[in-house]
Amino acid sequence: MADDAKRRLFSAERRMLERAGGFVPAQAQAPAPVDQVQTAAVLSAIGEVKKLIEALAQQAAQQAAQQAAQPAEPQTPDEMPEMSVLRGQLHDLKDSIDKTKGEIAAIHRPGEEEDKFVSAALELSAIVDATEEATNNILGAAEDIQERVGKIKERIEDVGSNELLDEIMNITMGIFENCNFQDITGQRTSKVVKTINYLEERILTMINIWGEEEFVGIELPEDARSADEKLLEGPQLDGQGISQNDIDSLFD
C-alpha cells in the first residue's frame, strides 16, 4: 500500500524543486483517492444541469413554433419608409393626370358643340377650296388675255406692236406656270388635315378611357381676349355667321 501511495516525480516538478532550493525526493506522494460519495454528488448535479438545459431548449422550440404559427403583424406606414416615397409618386402622378385632363378639356370638352380639332380641319379645308377657286379664276383670266392678244395680233401688222403682244403672251404663260402652287399647297394642307384628324381620334380615345364624367367640373382658364378681339373671328365658314344678304337687308 505504501508503494501505491507514492509515485515518481515529473521532470517539471523536479526543476521547480531545484529552483526553489528544496529537497528533491526520488518519489512524491500520490494524490488522495476521490471520495465516491462526492463523485456521485457531482454526477447528480451534472444530470440536473443537463435536464435543465433540455427543458430550456424544449421551451425555446415551443415559443418558436408558436411565433411561426401566428401571422406576422403588418407594419404600419410609419414603419415602412418606402410607403412615403410611393405616396409621393402617386400624388405627382395624379397631378399630371389632372393637368392632362385640363389640357384635353381645353381642346375638346365632351358635350360641347365647339370642337377645336373640327374647326381647324374645316378652316384648312376652306383655305384649300378658296385657293382652288381663286386659282381657277386667275387661270381663266389669263386664258381670256391670251385669246384677246391673239385676236389683236391678227389685226395689227406693226412689227413693234406684235413684239409687245408676244411679251404679253409670255407673261400669261408665266401666270399658268406659277398657278401650279395650288396643287402643292392643297396636297400639303390635306396632310395637315389628316394629322389633325389623327390627333382628334387619339384625344377621343383618351376621353373614352377615362369616361366623359371625369371631365365634368374641370375649370378652364378664362379667355384673355378683349370683347372686340372676340368679335374678330375672321371670315366665317359657309353656312355660318352673317351673310352679305343679311347685312344688305339692314339697309333696306
Foldseek 3Di string as FASTA:
>chain_A
DVVVQKAADDPVVQVVCVVVVHDDDRIHGHDDDDDPVVVVVVVVVVVVVVVVVVVVVVVVVVVVVVVVVDDDDDDDVVVPVVVVVVVVVVVVVVVVVLVVLQVLCVQPQPPDPDHNLVVVLLVLVVVLVVLVVVLVVLLVVLVVLLVVLVVVVVVDPDPVVNVVSVVSNVVSVVSVVVSVVSVVSNVVSVVVNVVSVVVVVVSVVVCVVVDSVVSPPRDHDDDPDDPVVVVCPDDDDPPDDDDPVNVVVVVD
